[in-house]
């Protein structure tokens, strides 16, 4: 019966291609939207779980720039007086603080490319160094940097910023956030850049001594909301803003939740439209083939065998369409994941291999089930007739 189904499909190649196209459209939509939705959710989870700080203090003129740098990897330069960290340390409930400095590089002769530089203090840092432990087992050597996964450098390569050459000591694993397009270095090396003639020419820096871009804060087991309010009170009038990790990721979480609603709606509509199209096409096909099926019944072929032929055709069509849809979607969502992330403006971390395989199996199961149901619905009236009736209807 399966071989007969194959021959039938090859003989009616136009009809077969049309059916395959509708299934391909369904699987393409399901796979693309699901991968993007899961990737954004994974990216947000990565940000929340691995951010490492409870509170972040930034210049109130650079709130959006810092968030874009953290979540999208968009380079920015921002700074305020380093003395603000001492005020934060004095707040009751603050367990740890550590400064960071954000510097944007340029696509010019003085720099390798436009990237985000983040300087940290190895003596106090509790946010960045835990991520680097897998890359460098000791302190980051002077004159060395660690690059994000999207930076096209390997361990041992040289990389130049504002005319100063650094050695790549490690490559960070993919995080799904802006750190993938970031270069990490110590404050000691950052000071070399700040005093370099090249940065004076290319950056509008009115101050290069005792500057930082943000202070990250750990409150331990103390009440986060109270400590955050106390820091705001202490820093009032210093032109800085105080964010909790929750508040920074809240808008992103809302965007991802909206995207998941869109995913369910799109999948539902695609399923209904594809199922309706297949039912109609199967009904048209079977109506055209009444004489064929009537002759088969007349020569002794059982109704169960005819049903097997039609269902086999449906399975072949749906499996072929699902595989083609997944392949086409894969060509888009995997090679262009960075571009998709930048377009969405959200943290983006592709699912693990096992999750992708599970999604493929799910799409195949849905597609095949849809094909079997469509074929069964279309053959319901056919199997209620005998062979002579079907032959007469076509005469």
Protein backbone atom coordinates (compact mmCIF):
# COMPACT_ATOMS: atom_id res chain seq x y z
CA UNK A 1 0.00 0.00 0.00
CA UNK A 2 2.88 2.36 0.79
CA UNK A 3 4.48 1.80 -2.62
CA UNK A 4 1.15 2.46 -4.34
CA UNK A 5 0.85 5.70 -2.36
CA UNK A 6 4.32 6.77 -3.51
CA UNK A 7 3.44 6.15 -7.15
CA UNK A 8 0.16 8.04 -6.78
CA UNK A 9 1.97 11.07 -5.41
CA UNK A 10 4.60 11.02 -8.16
CA UNK A 11 1.89 10.71 -10.81
CA UNK A 12 0.04 13.77 -9.47
CA UNK A 13 3.10 15.89 -8.79
CA UNK A 14 1.33 19.29 -8.96
CA UNK A 15 -1.28 18.33 -6.36
CA UNK A 16 1.39 16.73 -4.21
CA UNK A 17 3.59 19.82 -4.36
CA UNK A 18 0.67 22.05 -3.31
CA UNK A 19 -0.06 19.88 -0.27
CA UNK A 20 3.61 19.72 0.68
CA UNK A 21 3.79 23.52 0.46
CA UNK A 22 0.99 24.01 3.02
CA UNK A 23 2.62 21.60 5.47
CA UNK A 24 5.99 23.25 4.88
CA UNK A 25 4.44 26.63 5.66
CA UNK A 26 3.05 25.29 8.93
CA UNK A 27 6.30 23.67 10.08
CA UNK A 28 8.34 26.71 9.00
CA UNK A 29 6.14 29.02 11.07
CA UNK A 30 6.10 26.73 14.11
CA UNK A 31 9.85 26.13 14.09
CA UNK A 32 10.85 29.76 13.46
CA UNK A 33 8.53 31.32 16.03
CA UNK A 34 9.27 28.62 18.63
CA UNK A 35 13.06 28.95 18.29
CA UNK A 36 12.92 32.76 18.53
CA UNK A 37 10.54 32.62 21.51
CA UNK A 38 12.62 30.01 23.37
CA UNK A 39 15.84 31.89 22.59
CA UNK A 40 14.55 35.17 24.02
CA UNK A 41 13.27 33.36 27.11
CA UNK A 42 16.63 31.62 27.54
CA UNK A 43 18.39 34.95 27.12
CA UNK A 44 16.32 36.59 29.85
CA UNK A 45 16.89 33.62 32.16
CA UNK A 46 20.62 33.91 31.51
CA UNK A 47 20.57 37.62 32.36
CA UNK A 48 18.65 37.10 35.60
CA UNK A 49 20.57 34.02 36.76
CA UNK A 50 24.03 35.22 35.82
CA UNK A 51 23.87 38.97 36.32
CA UNK A 52 25.40 38.52 39.76
CA UNK A 53 24.32 41.85 41.30
CA UNK A 54 21.16 42.94 43.09
CA UNK A 55 21.47 46.65 42.29
CA UNK A 56 23.17 48.71 39.61
CA UNK A 57 23.86 52.46 39.88
CA UNK A 58 24.36 54.32 36.58
CA UNK A 59 24.37 57.91 35.34
CA UNK A 60 20.80 59.11 34.84
CA UNK A 61 21.80 60.29 31.35
CA UNK A 62 22.97 56.82 30.37
CA UNK A 63 20.21 54.53 31.63
CA UNK A 64 19.10 53.38 28.18
CA UNK A 65 22.67 53.20 26.83
CA UNK A 66 23.83 50.91 29.65
CA UNK A 67 20.79 48.65 29.29
CA UNK A 68 21.39 48.37 25.54
CA UNK A 69 25.02 47.53 26.21
CA UNK A 70 24.11 44.83 28.72
CA UNK A 71 21.27 43.27 26.76
CA UNK A 72 22.20 43.93 23.12
CA UNK A 73 25.94 44.65 23.16
CA UNK A 74 25.52 48.18 21.77
CA UNK A 75 28.77 50.02 22.69
CA UNK A 76 28.52 53.11 24.89
CA UNK A 77 30.79 55.43 26.87
CA UNK A 78 29.45 56.82 30.13
CA UNK A 79 31.00 57.91 33.41
CA UNK A 80 30.58 59.75 36.70
CA UNK A 81 32.80 60.48 39.69
CA UNK A 82 34.22 57.39 41.38
CA UNK A 83 33.63 58.92 44.82
CA UNK A 84 29.95 57.93 44.59
CA UNK A 85 30.92 54.34 45.39
CA UNK A 86 32.02 55.39 48.91
CA UNK A 87 28.57 56.86 49.55
CA UNK A 88 26.95 53.59 48.46
CA UNK A 89 29.23 51.53 50.70
CA UNK A 90 28.06 53.55 53.71
CA UNK A 91 24.41 52.57 53.20
CA UNK A 92 23.12 50.05 55.73
CA UNK A 93 22.42 46.67 54.14
CA UNK A 94 25.03 46.95 51.38
CA UNK A 95 27.23 43.85 51.57
CA UNK A 96 29.49 44.33 48.52
CA UNK A 97 30.16 46.99 45.89
CA UNK A 98 32.35 47.02 42.84
CA UNK A 99 32.90 49.65 40.13
CA UNK A 100 32.86 49.12 36.36
CA UNK A 101 33.86 51.41 33.49
CA UNK A 102 32.16 51.32 30.09
CA UNK A 103 34.15 52.54 27.06
CA UNK A 104 33.08 52.21 23.43
CA UNK A 105 35.72 51.53 20.80
CA UNK A 106 35.59 52.71 17.19
CA UNK A 107 35.68 51.21 13.73
CA UNK A 108 38.80 53.23 12.96
CA UNK A 109 42.54 52.73 12.55
CA UNK A 110 43.08 53.13 16.30
CA UNK A 111 40.81 50.18 17.18
CA UNK A 112 40.17 46.62 16.06
CA UNK A 113 36.41 47.24 15.67
CA UNK A 114 33.44 48.88 17.40
CA UNK A 115 33.07 46.93 20.65
CA UNK A 116 32.12 47.52 24.26
CA UNK A 117 34.99 47.63 26.75
CA UNK A 118 34.11 46.91 30.38
CA UNK A 119 36.80 47.49 32.98
CA UNK A 120 36.47 45.87 36.40
CA UNK A 121 38.39 45.85 39.67
CA UNK A 122 39.73 42.33 40.37
CA UNK A 123 39.99 43.09 44.10
CA UNK A 124 36.27 43.78 44.57
CA UNK A 125 34.52 42.35 41.50
CA UNK A 126 31.89 39.65 42.10
CA UNK A 127 29.98 39.95 38.81
CA UNK A 128 32.42 39.42 35.93
CA UNK A 129 35.19 37.26 37.39
CA UNK A 130 32.95 34.25 38.16
CA UNK A 131 32.22 34.11 34.41
CA UNK A 132 35.92 34.21 33.63
CA UNK A 133 36.99 31.40 35.96
CA UNK A 134 36.56 28.79 33.21
CA UNK A 135 38.81 30.83 30.91
CA UNK A 136 41.55 32.04 33.26
CA UNK A 137 42.29 30.19 36.47
CA UNK A 138 44.33 33.00 38.01
CA UNK A 139 43.97 36.79 37.96
CA UNK A 140 43.77 38.43 34.53
CA UNK A 141 47.38 39.35 33.64
CA UNK A 142 48.30 42.96 32.94
CA UNK A 143 48.00 43.73 29.25
CA UNK A 144 45.50 40.90 28.70
CA UNK A 145 41.76 40.83 28.00
CA UNK A 146 38.92 38.33 27.85
CA UNK A 147 36.60 38.65 24.84
CA UNK A 148 32.95 37.71 24.40
CA UNK A 149 31.89 34.76 22.25
CA UNK A 150 30.85 37.00 19.31
CA UNK A 151 34.24 38.75 19.12
CA UNK A 152 36.24 37.13 16.33
CA UNK A 153 39.39 36.47 18.33
CA UNK A 154 41.01 33.36 19.79
CA UNK A 155 43.19 32.85 22.85
CA UNK A 156 46.70 34.13 22.11
CA UNK A 157 45.59 36.64 19.45
CA UNK A 158 46.43 40.33 19.68
CA UNK A 159 43.69 42.96 19.79
CA UNK A 160 44.19 46.73 19.60
CA UNK A 161 42.17 49.54 21.19
CA UNK A 162 43.10 53.22 20.76
CA UNK A 163 46.59 52.24 19.61
CA UNK A 164 47.31 49.98 22.61
CA UNK A 165 47.81 46.28 21.92
CA UNK A 166 46.40 43.61 24.25
CA UNK A 167 46.72 39.83 24.38
CA UNK A 168 43.54 37.71 24.38
CA UNK A 169 43.74 35.53 27.51
CA UNK A 170 40.32 33.90 27.17
CA UNK A 171 37.05 33.69 25.23
CA UNK A 172 33.87 33.77 27.29
CA UNK A 173 31.18 31.18 26.63
CA UNK A 174 28.01 32.42 24.93
CA UNK A 175 25.70 34.22 27.36
CA UNK A 176 22.87 35.47 25.14
CA UNK A 177 23.34 39.05 26.38
CA UNK A 178 25.56 42.01 25.51
CA UNK A 179 28.59 40.37 27.11
CA UNK A 180 28.97 38.34 23.89
CA UNK A 181 30.09 41.55 22.10
CA UNK A 182 32.19 42.84 24.99
CA UNK A 183 35.88 42.90 25.89
CA UNK A 184 36.79 42.71 29.59
CA UNK A 185 39.92 44.24 31.07
CA UNK A 186 41.16 45.53 34.41
CA UNK A 187 40.99 49.14 35.58
CA UNK A 188 44.78 49.22 35.43
CA UNK A 189 44.72 48.59 31.68
CA UNK A 190 41.71 50.87 31.20
CA UNK A 191 43.74 53.76 32.66
CA UNK A 192 46.33 53.20 29.92
CA UNK A 193 43.56 53.66 27.34
CA UNK A 194 42.17 56.76 29.09
CA UNK A 195 45.58 58.47 28.99
CA UNK A 196 46.34 57.41 25.43
CA UNK A 197 46.62 60.22 22.83
CA UNK A 198 44.30 58.27 20.52
CA UNK A 199 41.33 58.33 22.88
CA UNK A 200 41.79 62.07 23.46
CA UNK A 201 41.45 62.55 19.69
CA UNK A 202 38.47 60.25 19.26
CA UNK A 203 36.44 60.58 22.47
CA UNK A 204 34.90 63.63 24.09
CA UNK A 205 36.12 62.90 27.64
CA UNK A 206 36.15 65.90 29.95
CA UNK A 207 37.60 63.79 32.77
CA UNK A 208 39.87 60.73 32.74
CA UNK A 209 40.89 60.41 36.41
CA UNK A 210 38.73 58.72 39.06
CA UNK A 211 35.82 57.92 36.78
CA UNK A 212 33.51 54.92 36.71
CA UNK A 213 30.37 54.06 34.72
CA UNK A 214 28.43 51.97 37.20
CA UNK A 215 28.55 50.51 40.68
CA UNK A 216 27.15 47.00 41.13
CA UNK A 217 25.81 46.19 44.58
CA UNK A 218 25.15 42.97 46.49
CA UNK A 219 22.75 43.25 49.43
CA UNK A 220 23.12 39.67 50.68
CA UNK A 221 20.08 38.61 52.71
CA UNK A 222 18.97 42.17 53.40
CA UNK A 223 15.70 43.53 52.02
CA UNK A 224 16.40 44.63 48.46
CA UNK A 225 13.64 47.24 48.18
CA UNK A 226 14.68 49.02 51.40
CA UNK A 227 18.38 49.08 50.50
CA UNK A 228 17.53 50.35 47.01
CA UNK A 229 15.42 53.20 48.44
CA UNK A 230 18.17 54.09 50.95
CA UNK A 231 20.76 54.27 48.16
CA UNK A 232 18.45 56.53 46.14
CA UNK A 233 18.06 58.83 49.15
CA UNK A 234 21.83 59.01 49.73
CA UNK A 235 22.59 59.70 46.06
CA UNK A 236 19.81 62.21 45.47
CA UNK A 237 21.23 65.17 43.54
CA UNK A 238 24.22 63.23 42.17
CA UNK A 239 22.63 62.72 38.71
CA UNK A 240 22.61 58.92 38.98
CA UNK A 241 19.83 56.32 38.81
CA UNK A 242 19.42 53.17 40.89
CA UNK A 243 18.12 49.95 39.30
CA UNK A 244 17.38 46.55 40.74
CA UNK A 245 17.93 43.48 38.56
CA UNK A 246 14.19 42.85 38.68
CA UNK A 247 13.31 46.34 37.44
CA UNK A 248 15.88 46.16 34.63
CA UNK A 249 14.53 42.86 33.32
CA UNK A 250 10.83 43.56 33.92
CA UNK A 251 10.18 45.26 30.57
CA UNK A 252 12.10 42.52 28.76
CA UNK A 253 10.04 39.86 30.56
CA UNK A 254 6.85 41.61 29.39
CA UNK A 255 8.13 41.71 25.81
CA UNK A 256 8.95 38.00 25.88
CA UNK A 257 5.56 37.15 27.39
CA UNK A 258 3.86 39.09 24.59
CA UNK A 259 6.00 37.26 22.05
CA UNK A 260 4.96 33.88 23.51
CA UNK A 261 1.28 34.88 23.16
CA UNK A 262 2.03 35.79 19.55
CA UNK A 263 3.75 32.39 19.12
CA UNK A 264 0.67 30.49 20.31
CA UNK A 265 -1.67 32.58 18.19
CA UNK A 266 0.48 32.22 15.06
CA UNK A 267 0.84 28.46 15.53
CA UNK A 268 -2.91 28.07 16.07
CA UNK A 269 -3.81 30.08 12.97
CA UNK A 270 -1.19 28.28 10.87
CA UNK A 271 -2.45 24.91 12.04
CA UNK A 272 -6.09 25.73 11.26
CA UNK A 273 -5.35 27.18 7.84
CA UNK A 274 -3.03 24.31 6.87
CA UNK A 275 -5.48 21.68 8.12
CA UNK A 276 -8.36 23.31 6.24
CA UNK A 277 -6.27 23.51 3.07
CA UNK A 278 -5.27 19.84 3.33
CA UNK A 279 -8.84 18.69 3.97
CA UNK A 280 -10.06 20.63 0.93
CA UNK A 281 -7.25 19.31 -1.27
CA UNK A 282 -7.80 15.72 -0.09
CA UNK A 283 -11.55 16.05 -0.72
CA UNK A 284 -10.92 17.40 -4.24
CA UNK A 285 -8.34 14.70 -4.92
CA UNK A 286 -10.54 11.87 -3.67
CA UNK A 287 -13.55 13.17 -5.58
CA UNK A 288 -11.47 13.14 -8.77
CA UNK A 289 -10.32 9.58 -8.02
CA UNK A 290 -13.70 7.99 -7.29
CA UNK A 291 -13.52 5.80 -10.37
CA UNK A 292 -10.01 4.66 -9.43
CA UNK A 293 -11.11 3.67 -5.93
CA UNK A 294 -14.34 2.12 -7.25
CA UNK A 295 -12.39 -0.14 -9.60
CA UNK A 296 -10.06 -1.14 -6.75
CA UNK A 297 -13.03 -2.06 -4.59
CA UNK A 298 -14.62 -3.98 -7.49
CA UNK A 299 -11.55 -6.18 -7.98
CA UNK A 300 -11.40 -7.11 -4.33
CA UNK A 301 -9.27 -4.46 -2.65
CA UNK A 302 -10.60 -3.92 0.86
CA UNK A 303 -11.74 -0.57 2.20
CA UNK A 304 -9.08 -0.84 4.91
CA UNK A 305 -6.39 -1.10 2.23
CA UNK A 306 -7.73 1.94 0.37
CA UNK A 307 -7.72 3.83 3.63
CA UNK A 308 -4.10 2.73 4.15
CA UNK A 309 -3.17 4.08 0.69
CA UNK A 310 -4.74 7.49 1.38
CA UNK A 311 -3.25 7.72 4.88
CA UNK A 312 0.16 6.69 3.52
CA UNK A 313 -0.08 9.52 1.01
CA UNK A 314 -0.92 11.92 3.85
CA UNK A 315 2.03 10.70 5.95
CA UNK A 316 4.48 11.06 3.05
CA UNK A 317 3.19 14.57 2.26
CA UNK A 318 3.30 15.79 5.87
CA UNK A 319 6.70 14.30 6.70
CA UNK A 320 8.23 15.74 3.52
CA UNK A 321 6.60 19.15 4.08
CA UNK A 322 7.62 19.26 7.76
CA UNK A 323 11.25 18.39 6.99
CA UNK A 324 11.45 21.01 4.22
CA UNK A 325 9.89 23.66 6.48
CA UNK A 326 12.33 22.89 9.30
CA UNK A 327 15.31 22.98 6.93
CA UNK A 328 14.30 26.34 5.43
CA UNK A 329 13.65 27.77 8.92
CA UNK A 330 17.03 26.48 10.15
CA UNK A 331 18.81 28.30 7.32
CA UNK A 332 17.27 31.53 8.64
CA UNK A 333 17.16 31.27 12.45
CA UNK A 334 20.59 29.74 13.15
CA UNK A 335 23.07 31.60 10.88
CA UNK A 336 21.30 34.92 11.48
CA UNK A 337 20.69 34.58 15.23
CA UNK A 338 22.81 37.64 16.06
CA UNK A 339 20.93 39.80 13.54
CA UNK A 340 17.59 38.55 14.90
CA UNK A 341 18.71 39.38 18.45
CA UNK A 342 19.71 42.90 17.44
CA UNK A 343 16.44 43.43 15.56
CA UNK A 344 14.37 42.28 18.53
CA UNK A 345 16.46 44.24 21.02
CA UNK A 346 16.23 41.38 23.54
CA UNK A 347 18.70 38.95 25.17
CA UNK A 348 18.96 35.95 22.84
CA UNK A 349 20.35 32.49 23.65
CA UNK A 350 19.61 29.56 21.32
CA UNK A 351 18.13 26.43 22.94
CA UNK A 352 20.28 23.40 23.68
CA UNK A 353 20.58 20.67 21.04
CA UNK A 354 18.24 18.35 22.95
CA UNK A 355 15.52 21.01 23.10
CA UNK A 356 15.83 21.61 19.33
CA UNK A 357 15.52 17.87 18.63
CA UNK A 358 12.45 17.76 20.88
CA UNK A 359 10.90 20.65 18.93
CA UNK A 360 11.56 18.90 15.61
CA UNK A 361 9.87 15.72 16.89
CA UNK A 362 6.92 17.78 18.13
CA UNK A 363 6.48 19.50 14.74
CA UNK A 364 6.72 16.18 12.89
CA UNK A 365 4.12 14.66 15.22
CA UNK A 366 1.72 17.61 14.78
CA UNK A 367 2.18 17.63 11.00
CA UNK A 368 1.62 13.88 10.61
CA UNK A 369 -1.39 13.94 12.95
CA UNK A 370 -2.86 16.80 10.94
CA UNK A 371 -2.34 14.83 7.71
CA UNK A 372 -3.94 11.65 9.09
CA UNK A 373 -6.95 13.55 10.46
CA UNK A 374 -7.37 15.44 7.16
CA UNK A 375 -7.17 12.22 5.13
CA UNK A 376 -9.60 10.42 7.46
CA UNK A 377 -12.13 13.26 7.23
CA UNK A 378 -11.87 13.36 3.43
CA UNK A 379 -12.32 9.58 3.01
CA UNK A 380 -15.28 9.23 5.37
CA UNK A 381 -17.94 9.33 2.61
CA UNK A 382 -15.79 7.41 0.14
CA UNK A 383 -15.51 4.34 2.38
CA UNK A 384 -19.28 4.28 2.95
CA UNK A 385 -19.93 3.53 -0.76
CA UNK A 386 -19.36 0.33 -2.71
CA UNK A 387 -17.26 0.09 -5.85
CA UNK A 388 -20.11 0.14 -8.40
CA UNK A 389 -21.60 3.31 -6.89
CA UNK A 390 -18.28 5.11 -7.13
CA UNK A 391 -17.80 4.07 -10.77
CA UNK A 392 -21.35 5.16 -11.70
CA UNK A 393 -20.85 8.58 -10.06
CA UNK A 394 -18.03 9.33 -12.45
CA UNK A 395 -19.92 8.23 -15.59
